Protein backbone atom coordinates (compact mmCIF):
# COMPACT_ATOMS: atom_id res chain seq x y z
CA MET A 1 -48.40 -55.21 -106.52
CA LYS A 2 -47.68 -52.64 -109.36
CA ILE A 3 -47.88 -49.28 -108.79
CA ASN A 4 -51.46 -48.72 -110.34
CA GLU A 5 -52.72 -51.91 -109.36
CA LEU A 6 -51.98 -49.68 -106.06
CA ARG A 7 -53.24 -46.78 -106.99
CA GLU A 8 -56.48 -49.17 -108.37
CA HIS A 9 -56.21 -50.66 -104.21
CA LEU A 10 -56.39 -46.78 -102.66
CA CYS A 11 -59.04 -45.82 -105.47
CA ALA A 12 -61.46 -48.35 -103.53
CA GLN A 13 -60.14 -48.33 -100.20
CA TYR A 14 -60.65 -43.92 -100.37
CA PRO A 15 -63.19 -43.26 -103.04
CA ASP A 16 -63.48 -39.33 -102.35
CA LEU A 17 -59.76 -39.37 -102.25
CA CYS A 18 -58.97 -40.58 -105.60
CA PRO A 19 -59.00 -37.81 -107.26
CA LEU A 20 -56.17 -37.14 -104.86
CA PHE A 21 -53.90 -39.96 -105.97
CA SER A 22 -50.67 -39.07 -108.81
CA ILE A 23 -47.81 -41.07 -109.81
CA GLU A 24 -45.34 -38.22 -110.20
CA PHE A 25 -41.79 -39.46 -111.03
CA GLY A 26 -42.36 -43.84 -111.09
CA ASP A 27 -43.27 -42.83 -107.46
CA GLY A 28 -47.25 -42.41 -106.47
CA VAL A 29 -48.81 -39.21 -104.01
CA LEU A 30 -51.34 -39.24 -102.04
CA LEU A 31 -53.12 -36.54 -100.32
CA VAL A 32 -54.98 -37.00 -97.07
CA GLU A 33 -57.09 -36.11 -95.07
CA CYS A 34 -55.15 -35.33 -92.16
CA GLY A 35 -58.20 -37.62 -89.88
CA GLN A 36 -57.76 -39.76 -92.09
CA LEU A 37 -53.35 -40.22 -91.79
CA LEU A 38 -52.71 -43.22 -88.98
CA GLY A 39 -55.39 -45.36 -91.28
CA ALA A 40 -53.72 -44.85 -95.33
CA ALA A 41 -50.16 -45.23 -93.08
CA SER A 42 -51.55 -48.46 -91.57
CA ASP A 43 -53.19 -49.63 -95.04
CA LEU A 44 -49.96 -48.76 -96.66
CA ARG A 45 -48.30 -50.87 -94.02
CA ASP A 46 -50.46 -52.60 -94.56
CA LEU A 47 -50.17 -53.45 -98.22
CA GLY A 48 -45.63 -53.95 -97.61
CA PHE A 49 -45.45 -50.53 -97.71
CA ASP A 50 -42.82 -51.86 -95.07
CA ARG A 51 -40.16 -48.45 -94.67
CA LEU A 52 -40.54 -45.27 -93.61
CA GLY A 53 -38.09 -43.16 -95.07
CA MET A 54 -38.94 -39.36 -94.13
CA VAL A 55 -41.06 -36.91 -92.56
CA THR A 56 -40.87 -34.05 -93.20
CA ALA A 57 -43.18 -30.59 -93.75
CA VAL A 58 -43.56 -28.14 -96.04
CA ASP A 59 -44.49 -24.13 -94.04
CA ARG A 60 -47.56 -23.11 -97.23
CA GLY A 61 -48.09 -20.15 -95.59
CA GLU A 62 -52.03 -20.38 -94.76
CA THR A 63 -51.32 -24.77 -93.89
CA PHE A 64 -48.33 -26.94 -92.82
CA GLU A 65 -48.33 -29.90 -95.92
CA MET A 66 -46.92 -32.79 -94.13
CA VAL A 67 -45.04 -34.84 -96.39
CA TYR A 68 -44.20 -38.56 -95.81
CA ARG A 69 -41.87 -40.88 -97.56
CA LEU A 70 -42.63 -44.87 -97.57
CA THR A 71 -41.39 -47.57 -99.67
CA SER A 72 -41.79 -51.54 -99.95
CA ARG A 73 -39.20 -53.46 -101.25
CA SER A 74 -41.28 -56.27 -102.26
CA MET A 75 -42.66 -54.06 -104.62
CA SER A 76 -39.72 -51.64 -105.37
CA ALA A 77 -41.53 -48.99 -105.18
CA GLY A 78 -41.75 -45.48 -103.11
CA ILE A 79 -45.35 -43.43 -102.82
CA PHE A 80 -44.72 -39.66 -100.95
CA LEU A 81 -47.79 -39.80 -98.45
CA LYS A 82 -49.25 -35.80 -97.02
CA CYS A 83 -51.28 -33.47 -95.37
CA GLU A 84 -52.38 -30.46 -95.26
CA VAL A 85 -51.45 -29.50 -91.61
CA PRO A 86 -53.89 -26.26 -90.22
CA ARG A 87 -51.34 -23.20 -89.13
CA ASP A 88 -53.34 -21.99 -86.77
CA ASN A 89 -53.54 -25.53 -84.28
CA PRO A 90 -50.79 -27.43 -86.09
CA VAL A 91 -51.38 -30.45 -84.56
CA ILE A 92 -51.61 -34.73 -86.57
CA GLN A 93 -51.36 -38.02 -85.20
CA SER A 94 -47.57 -39.74 -85.12
CA LEU A 95 -46.61 -42.65 -86.61
CA THR A 96 -44.26 -43.99 -84.48
CA SER A 97 -46.99 -46.84 -83.13
CA LEU A 98 -46.59 -47.92 -86.71
CA TRP A 99 -43.14 -47.19 -87.98
CA PRO A 100 -40.33 -47.18 -84.96
CA ALA A 101 -38.11 -44.56 -86.86
CA ALA A 102 -41.06 -41.16 -87.27
CA ASN A 103 -39.47 -40.72 -83.46
CA TRP A 104 -37.02 -38.24 -84.39
CA HIS A 105 -38.43 -37.16 -88.04
CA GLU A 106 -40.90 -36.12 -86.43
CA ARG A 107 -39.42 -34.78 -83.21
CA GLU A 108 -37.71 -32.77 -86.03
CA VAL A 109 -40.29 -31.06 -87.80
CA TYR A 110 -41.58 -29.68 -84.13
CA ASP A 111 -38.74 -29.40 -83.18
CA MET A 112 -38.00 -26.80 -86.15
CA PHE A 113 -41.83 -25.76 -87.88
CA GLY A 114 -43.97 -26.32 -84.66
CA ILE A 115 -46.29 -29.08 -85.52
CA GLU A 116 -46.95 -31.57 -82.49
CA PHE A 117 -47.81 -35.12 -82.92
CA GLU A 118 -50.26 -36.77 -81.06
CA GLY A 119 -49.32 -40.01 -79.43
CA HIS A 120 -45.56 -39.08 -80.01
CA PRO A 121 -43.61 -41.05 -76.57
CA ASP A 122 -41.51 -38.04 -76.55
CA MET A 123 -42.55 -34.85 -78.26
CA ARG A 124 -39.11 -32.27 -76.83
CA ARG A 125 -36.37 -30.53 -79.37
CA ILE A 126 -33.97 -32.55 -80.23
CA LEU A 127 -31.93 -30.39 -82.61
CA LEU A 128 -32.08 -27.16 -81.03
CA PRO A 129 -32.17 -26.65 -77.30
CA PRO A 130 -35.65 -26.37 -74.64
CA GLU A 131 -35.73 -22.63 -74.12
CA TRP A 132 -35.21 -21.15 -78.01
CA GLU A 133 -38.30 -18.95 -79.06
CA GLY A 134 -39.90 -20.27 -81.47
CA TYR A 135 -39.33 -22.55 -84.95
CA PRO A 136 -36.81 -21.34 -88.34
CA LEU A 137 -38.38 -23.15 -90.66
CA ARG A 138 -40.88 -20.87 -90.60
CA LYS A 139 -41.98 -18.44 -93.71
CA ASP A 140 -42.30 -15.87 -90.47
CA TYR A 141 -39.75 -16.72 -87.96
CA GLU A 142 -38.03 -13.17 -86.87
CA ASP A 143 -34.17 -13.49 -85.26
CA GLU A 144 -32.63 -10.49 -85.00
CA ARG A 145 -29.71 -13.59 -85.38
CA ILE A 146 -30.75 -13.94 -89.20
CA ILE A 147 -28.63 -11.85 -91.07
CA HIS A 148 -30.80 -10.87 -95.09
CA ARG A 149 -29.06 -11.79 -98.37
CA PRO A 150 -30.03 -9.08 -100.53
CA ASP A 151 -33.04 -9.76 -103.13
CA TYR A 152 -31.50 -10.77 -105.47
CA ILE A 153 -29.13 -14.37 -104.77
């Protein structure tokens, strides 16, 4: 299945999301609602996206954007699966049931951004000590130990 065929298939499955599917630099990008993330990820796995290579988040200010990088060895294709998580309730479904590799990736996102993953088998900090307060990759994170750089850098 080529990336254009994948787009057609996903548009048939998620017609309201079809305008949100794009192809950038040879990879597909699918933006889904958080409530559809697990279903969309499961569909992609069933279609042959057998590898989860990355899970990360981006602080967009009002929301967080979750970014998942999936690849298919059989199709030689990649896709970014994205969804927006509300800042006031940063909770999303875990993908560890589909790809066990999501375990540590999701723990890193939790540790750095404070996004919780429902259904995660071990939701605790992985990089920082358990007593650490706050989430360092949030734009609003404050710590007196941070040395602010001048604006020109």
